[in-house]
Amino acid sequence: MEASETAPPETTEEPAEEPERKPEQSPAESRNPQELFRFSEWVHVGPGAEACDDAETGECTNTMHFHAWCRLPNQFQHQSIRDKALAAKARRIRQYRDADSDASAVIDGQFEEIEYSMDADAARNSYIEEIVFKDYMKDYFEVVQEMQSEEAEDDDPPKWASIEEDRERLRVLDDMDPEDRPDEEYSELKSHVAAFNEEVERRVKEDRQGAVRQSLQDRPLDELRQMVREQRIQKEAQAVYMQTYTVWEQYIGTMKTQVPKQVDAPQQRMFRSVDHLKSAAPEVIQVLDQVFTNLDGEFGKTMTVGALGKG
């Protein structure tokens, strides 16, 4: 068929932009055992900092720019940081153990408020649920792994083995225009994923938590209160550990950029002290938090891959 010689009418309207959709991916993409093991990363903060010609030379004079090289602590530094974090954790626990301390008064005041605003049975149930919930995430992931590894019944394929791929496919369908979406597949996937989530919740609450919850029902209120108190103390102490480790990791691992002629010189820390780091601009702290979180994550993933590869 020949093309029409009649030109289409001119229009000043610009075609509507297609919404950017995230391409379909597989969870397996993030499990490549050959992925690069990253120890360090550059950080550039401020207007135009990423495109700065002197971002990595140490010669930038723009006071709005923050340039640094971040790296994970080596094994000796890691041990030193860990010791500081453990000491901070121990000090926090001692504060809670001291009946006359402010920390002890604060946590005991929380329980007084709970029991003042509730009757004894409601307070008991509140404490029981808090005790049981402590292991929720561990129970949740164990149940998920258990369900994914279940063998098929008869000649049917395993029911939940491909749930991660099903979730990814459902995400893609959710992002599609409803007119282009395959309705039958979409409806089936929504029901399948919802059924999986419901079954996980049921197994966690009934199979994993049910026995624990039942064993706590006959405990005296004072004993339940003490169990929750200890649980909260450990949670707060662990938060202090993580905060202390994070601050010292960032202080030790954030280095100044080097001018070319000093490339062989020892790296200099960006911050004069931990207090200097704590006084940095919020946007700098935010970026450092993200960078070191990513680096620690890469380190953890690589260590896991290495462990799995050992016979």
Protein backbone atom coordinates (compact mmCIF):
# COMPACT_ATOMS: atom_id res chain seq x y z
CA MET A 1 0.00 0.00 0.00
CA GLU A 2 1.39 3.42 -0.95
CA ALA A 3 1.74 6.05 1.69
CA SER A 4 -0.75 8.90 1.54
CA GLU A 5 0.60 12.10 -0.01
CA THR A 6 -1.60 14.23 2.22
CA ALA A 7 0.49 15.72 5.04
CA PRO A 8 -0.95 15.36 8.53
CA PRO A 9 -2.26 18.57 10.08
CA GLU A 10 0.30 20.46 12.11
CA THR A 11 -0.24 20.62 15.83
CA THR A 12 1.42 22.59 18.57
CA GLU A 13 0.61 20.03 21.23
CA GLU A 14 3.55 18.00 22.46
CA PRO A 15 2.95 14.27 22.82
CA ALA A 16 2.30 13.22 26.38
CA GLU A 17 5.35 11.68 28.00
CA GLU A 18 5.10 8.05 28.90
CA PRO A 19 5.46 7.56 32.65
CA GLU A 20 8.79 5.98 33.43
CA ARG A 21 8.27 2.42 34.57
CA LYS A 22 10.76 0.35 36.47
CA PRO A 23 11.74 -2.62 34.27
CA GLU A 24 10.87 -6.10 35.41
CA GLN A 25 13.68 -7.66 37.37
CA SER A 26 14.45 -10.90 39.07
CA PRO A 27 15.49 -11.26 42.73
CA ALA A 28 18.31 -13.45 41.41
CA GLU A 29 19.98 -10.36 39.91
CA SER A 30 21.12 -9.28 43.38
CA ARG A 31 22.64 -12.66 44.20
CA ASN A 32 25.58 -12.70 41.84
CA PRO A 33 28.51 -14.26 43.74
CA GLN A 34 30.90 -12.45 41.40
CA GLU A 35 29.70 -8.96 42.42
CA LEU A 36 32.41 -6.43 43.19
CA PHE A 37 33.54 -6.30 46.80
CA ARG A 38 33.57 -2.57 47.58
CA PHE A 39 35.65 -1.18 50.44
CA SER A 40 35.40 2.53 49.64
CA GLU A 41 33.42 5.26 47.91
CA TRP A 42 33.77 8.93 47.03
CA VAL A 43 31.41 11.48 48.57
CA HIS A 44 30.61 14.84 47.01
CA VAL A 45 28.04 17.10 48.68
CA GLY A 46 26.92 20.59 47.70
CA PRO A 47 25.74 22.47 44.60
CA GLY A 48 27.80 21.28 41.63
CA ALA A 49 30.03 19.14 43.83
CA GLU A 50 29.65 16.02 41.66
CA ALA A 51 30.85 17.91 38.56
CA CYS A 52 33.64 19.79 40.35
CA ASP A 53 36.94 19.52 38.47
CA ASP A 54 38.82 19.28 41.76
CA ALA A 55 36.44 16.85 43.44
CA GLU A 56 39.16 14.24 43.90
CA THR A 57 42.33 16.32 43.82
CA GLY A 58 42.19 18.03 47.20
CA GLU A 59 42.42 21.46 45.56
CA CYS A 60 38.74 22.49 45.64
CA THR A 61 38.29 25.93 47.24
CA ASN A 62 34.50 26.12 47.00
CA THR A 63 33.26 26.43 50.59
CA MET A 64 29.88 25.00 49.54
CA HIS A 65 31.49 21.72 48.51
CA PHE A 66 32.27 18.72 50.70
CA HIS A 67 34.59 16.15 49.10
CA ALA A 68 35.78 13.05 50.91
CA TRP A 69 36.89 9.47 50.38
CA CYS A 70 35.08 6.99 52.64
CA ARG A 71 36.38 3.52 53.38
CA LEU A 72 35.53 0.72 55.75
CA PRO A 73 37.76 0.24 58.81
CA ASN A 74 40.39 -2.48 58.59
CA GLN A 75 40.32 -5.39 61.01
CA PHE A 76 42.38 -3.57 63.66
CA GLN A 77 40.24 -0.44 63.49
CA HIS A 78 37.10 -2.55 63.51
CA GLN A 79 38.15 -4.18 66.79
CA SER A 80 38.91 -0.80 68.35
CA ILE A 81 35.55 0.63 67.25
CA ARG A 82 33.75 -2.48 68.47
CA ASP A 83 35.40 -2.15 71.89
CA LYS A 84 34.20 1.46 72.16
CA ALA A 85 30.68 0.45 71.15
CA LEU A 86 30.60 -2.43 73.64
CA ALA A 87 31.81 -0.13 76.41
CA ALA A 88 29.06 2.39 75.60
CA LYS A 89 26.51 -0.43 75.63
CA ALA A 90 27.73 -1.68 79.01
CA ARG A 91 27.58 1.82 80.50
CA ARG A 92 23.99 2.20 79.32
CA ILE A 93 22.98 -1.11 80.88
CA ARG A 94 24.60 -0.10 84.18
CA GLN A 95 22.57 3.09 84.18
CA TYR A 96 19.36 1.09 83.91
CA ARG A 97 20.51 -1.27 86.66
CA ASP A 98 21.00 1.69 89.03
CA ALA A 99 17.61 2.25 90.68
CA ASP A 100 18.52 5.88 91.43
CA SER A 101 19.52 6.84 87.88
CA ASP A 102 17.50 9.01 85.52
CA ALA A 103 17.42 6.19 82.94
CA SER A 104 15.90 3.82 85.48
CA ALA A 105 13.32 6.41 86.54
CA VAL A 106 12.30 7.02 82.91
CA ILE A 107 11.74 3.36 82.05
CA ASP A 108 9.90 2.63 85.30
CA GLY A 109 7.69 5.64 84.62
CA GLN A 110 6.68 4.07 81.31
CA PHE A 111 5.35 1.00 83.11
CA GLU A 112 3.55 3.10 85.71
CA GLU A 113 1.79 4.93 82.89
CA ILE A 114 0.77 1.67 81.21
CA GLU A 115 -0.66 0.15 84.37
CA TYR A 116 -2.31 3.41 85.45
CA SER A 117 -4.16 3.75 82.13
CA MET A 118 -5.19 0.06 81.87
CA ASP A 119 -6.69 -2.58 84.09
CA ALA A 120 -4.51 -5.53 85.14
CA ASP A 121 -5.69 -7.86 82.36
CA ALA A 122 -5.12 -5.26 79.63
CA ALA A 123 -1.65 -4.48 81.02
CA ARG A 124 -0.85 -8.19 81.13
CA ASN A 125 -1.90 -8.65 77.49
CA SER A 126 0.10 -5.59 76.47
CA TYR A 127 3.24 -7.01 78.10
CA ILE A 128 2.68 -10.46 76.59
CA GLU A 129 2.29 -9.07 73.08
CA GLU A 130 5.47 -7.00 73.46
CA ILE A 131 7.42 -10.05 74.65
CA VAL A 132 6.12 -12.20 71.80
CA PHE A 133 6.69 -9.52 69.15
CA LYS A 134 10.43 -9.38 69.96
CA ASP A 135 11.08 -12.39 67.74
CA TYR A 136 8.52 -11.52 65.07
CA MET A 137 10.97 -10.78 62.25
CA LYS A 138 13.02 -13.90 62.97
CA ASP A 139 9.86 -16.00 63.01
CA TYR A 140 8.58 -14.29 59.86
CA PHE A 141 11.68 -15.00 57.76
CA GLU A 142 11.93 -18.56 59.04
CA VAL A 143 8.32 -19.21 58.03
CA VAL A 144 8.89 -17.64 54.59
CA GLN A 145 11.94 -19.86 53.99
CA GLU A 146 10.04 -22.87 55.24
CA MET A 147 7.14 -22.23 52.86
CA GLN A 148 9.39 -21.60 49.87
CA SER A 149 11.22 -24.88 50.42
CA GLU A 150 8.11 -27.03 50.87
CA GLU A 151 7.86 -29.94 48.47
CA ALA A 152 4.98 -30.21 46.04
CA GLU A 153 1.96 -32.35 46.66
CA ASP A 154 1.17 -35.03 44.05
CA ASP A 155 2.26 -33.85 40.60
CA ASP A 156 1.61 -30.14 41.20
CA PRO A 157 4.55 -27.69 41.22
CA PRO A 158 5.59 -26.34 44.64
CA LYS A 159 2.99 -23.76 45.62
CA TRP A 160 5.24 -21.05 47.05
CA ALA A 161 8.68 -21.77 45.54
CA SER A 162 8.47 -18.90 43.02
CA ILE A 163 6.77 -16.36 45.29
CA GLU A 164 9.58 -13.80 44.90
CA GLU A 165 9.25 -13.90 41.12
CA ASP A 166 5.46 -13.70 41.49
CA ARG A 167 5.79 -10.59 43.65
CA GLU A 168 8.10 -8.99 41.11
CA ARG A 169 5.68 -9.77 38.28
CA LEU A 170 2.79 -8.35 40.31
CA ARG A 171 4.75 -5.15 40.86
CA VAL A 172 5.23 -4.80 37.11
CA LEU A 173 1.54 -5.37 36.46
CA ASP A 174 0.62 -2.83 39.15
CA ASP A 175 2.68 -0.22 37.27
CA MET A 176 1.03 -0.94 33.92
CA ASP A 177 -1.81 1.02 32.40
CA PRO A 178 -5.03 -0.84 33.36
CA GLU A 179 -6.04 -0.96 29.68
CA ASP A 180 -2.83 -2.80 28.79
CA ARG A 181 -2.76 -5.06 31.83
CA PRO A 182 -3.66 -8.76 31.36
CA ASP A 183 -6.63 -8.92 33.73
CA GLU A 184 -6.68 -12.67 34.25
CA GLU A 185 -3.00 -12.89 35.13
CA TYR A 186 -3.25 -9.81 37.35
CA SER A 187 -6.23 -11.13 39.28
CA GLU A 188 -4.62 -14.55 39.78
CA LEU A 189 -1.32 -13.06 40.96
CA LYS A 190 -3.03 -10.71 43.44
CA SER A 191 -4.94 -13.62 44.95
CA HIS A 192 -1.84 -15.82 45.04
CA VAL A 193 0.38 -13.23 46.75
CA ALA A 194 -2.39 -12.28 49.20
CA ALA A 195 -2.87 -15.95 50.09
CA PHE A 196 0.86 -16.30 50.72
CA ASN A 197 0.91 -13.27 53.02
CA GLU A 198 -2.11 -14.52 54.95
CA GLU A 199 -0.57 -17.97 55.37
CA VAL A 200 2.70 -16.48 56.59
CA GLU A 201 0.85 -14.43 59.21
CA ARG A 202 -1.17 -17.44 60.32
CA ARG A 203 1.88 -19.65 60.73
CA VAL A 204 3.81 -16.96 62.60
CA LYS A 205 0.98 -16.22 65.04
CA GLU A 206 -0.29 -19.75 65.52
CA ASP A 207 2.64 -22.09 64.92
CA ARG A 208 5.53 -19.93 66.14
CA GLN A 209 4.04 -17.47 68.62
CA GLY A 210 1.03 -19.40 69.88
CA ALA A 211 2.91 -21.64 72.29
CA VAL A 212 5.00 -18.74 73.64
CA ARG A 213 1.93 -16.59 74.14
CA GLN A 214 0.14 -19.40 75.95
CA SER A 215 3.12 -20.05 78.25
CA LEU A 216 3.04 -16.42 79.38
CA GLN A 217 -0.64 -16.30 80.28
CA ASP A 218 -0.19 -17.60 83.82
CA ARG A 219 2.86 -15.48 84.68
CA PRO A 220 2.37 -12.85 87.42
CA LEU A 221 2.08 -9.25 86.25
CA ASP A 222 5.28 -8.31 88.11
CA GLU A 223 7.21 -11.02 86.28
CA LEU A 224 5.87 -9.95 82.89
CA ARG A 225 6.74 -6.34 83.66
CA GLN A 226 10.30 -7.34 84.56
CA MET A 227 10.65 -9.35 81.33
CA VAL A 228 9.51 -6.38 79.25
CA ARG A 229 11.79 -4.07 81.23
CA GLU A 230 14.82 -6.23 80.49
CA GLN A 231 13.79 -6.50 76.85
CA ARG A 232 13.58 -2.72 76.53
CA ILE A 233 16.91 -2.25 78.28
CA GLN A 234 18.63 -4.60 75.85
CA LYS A 235 16.99 -2.89 72.87
CA GLU A 236 18.07 0.55 74.07
CA ALA A 237 21.59 -0.68 74.86
CA GLN A 238 21.89 -2.20 71.38
CA ALA A 239 20.80 1.11 69.86
CA VAL A 240 23.58 2.84 71.83
CA TYR A 241 26.04 0.23 70.53
CA MET A 242 25.02 0.86 66.93
CA GLN A 243 25.07 4.64 67.31
CA THR A 244 28.54 4.56 68.87
CA TYR A 245 29.90 2.18 66.23
CA THR A 246 28.44 4.29 63.42
CA VAL A 247 29.91 7.56 64.69
CA TRP A 248 33.40 6.12 65.15
CA GLU A 249 33.29 4.23 61.85
CA GLN A 250 32.46 7.45 60.01
CA TYR A 251 35.07 9.45 61.94
CA ILE A 252 37.86 6.95 61.26
CA GLY A 253 36.84 6.13 57.70
CA THR A 254 36.11 9.58 56.21
CA MET A 255 39.29 10.89 54.59
CA LYS A 256 40.34 14.12 52.91
CA THR A 257 40.94 14.04 49.17
CA GLN A 258 44.59 14.12 48.11
CA VAL A 259 46.37 16.39 45.65
CA PRO A 260 48.20 14.39 42.94
CA LYS A 261 51.67 15.09 44.28
CA GLN A 262 50.64 13.69 47.68
CA VAL A 263 49.09 10.52 46.39
CA ASP A 264 51.60 8.36 48.29
CA ALA A 265 51.22 10.35 51.51
CA PRO A 266 49.21 8.88 54.42
CA GLN A 267 45.50 9.68 54.25
CA GLN A 268 44.31 12.44 56.57
CA ARG A 269 40.98 12.27 58.35
CA MET A 270 38.34 14.74 57.30
CA PHE A 271 37.18 15.45 60.84
CA ARG A 272 39.42 16.62 63.66
CA SER A 273 37.43 14.69 66.28
CA VAL A 274 34.18 12.82 66.83
CA ASP A 275 32.63 16.07 68.07
CA HIS A 276 33.70 17.76 64.83
CA LEU A 277 31.88 15.04 62.89
CA LYS A 278 28.76 15.45 65.03
CA SER A 279 28.71 19.17 64.24
CA ALA A 280 28.77 18.63 60.44
CA ALA A 281 25.91 19.89 58.27
CA PRO A 282 22.80 17.65 58.21
CA GLU A 283 23.16 16.95 54.49
CA VAL A 284 26.73 15.73 55.03
CA ILE A 285 25.70 13.45 57.89
CA GLN A 286 22.84 12.09 55.80
CA VAL A 287 25.11 11.22 52.88
CA LEU A 288 27.76 9.67 55.13
CA ASP A 289 25.10 7.53 56.80
CA GLN A 290 23.93 6.27 53.42
CA VAL A 291 27.44 5.63 52.08
CA PHE A 292 28.64 3.67 55.10
CA THR A 293 25.37 1.75 55.24
CA ASN A 294 25.92 0.73 51.62
CA LEU A 295 29.56 -0.17 52.22
CA ASP A 296 28.69 -2.24 55.28
CA GLY A 297 25.96 -3.93 53.26
CA GLU A 298 28.35 -4.83 50.46
CA PHE A 299 30.82 -6.17 53.02
CA GLY A 300 28.11 -8.29 54.66
CA LYS A 301 26.84 -9.63 51.34
CA THR A 302 30.32 -10.59 50.21
CA MET A 303 31.08 -12.31 53.49
CA THR A 304 27.84 -14.25 53.15
CA VAL A 305 28.68 -15.28 49.59
CA GLY A 306 32.14 -16.40 50.73
CA ALA A 307 30.70 -18.42 53.59
CA LEU A 308 28.18 -20.12 51.35
CA GLY A 309 30.91 -21.02 48.92
CA LYS A 310 32.90 -22.96 51.48
CA GLY A 311 32.36 -26.67 51.54
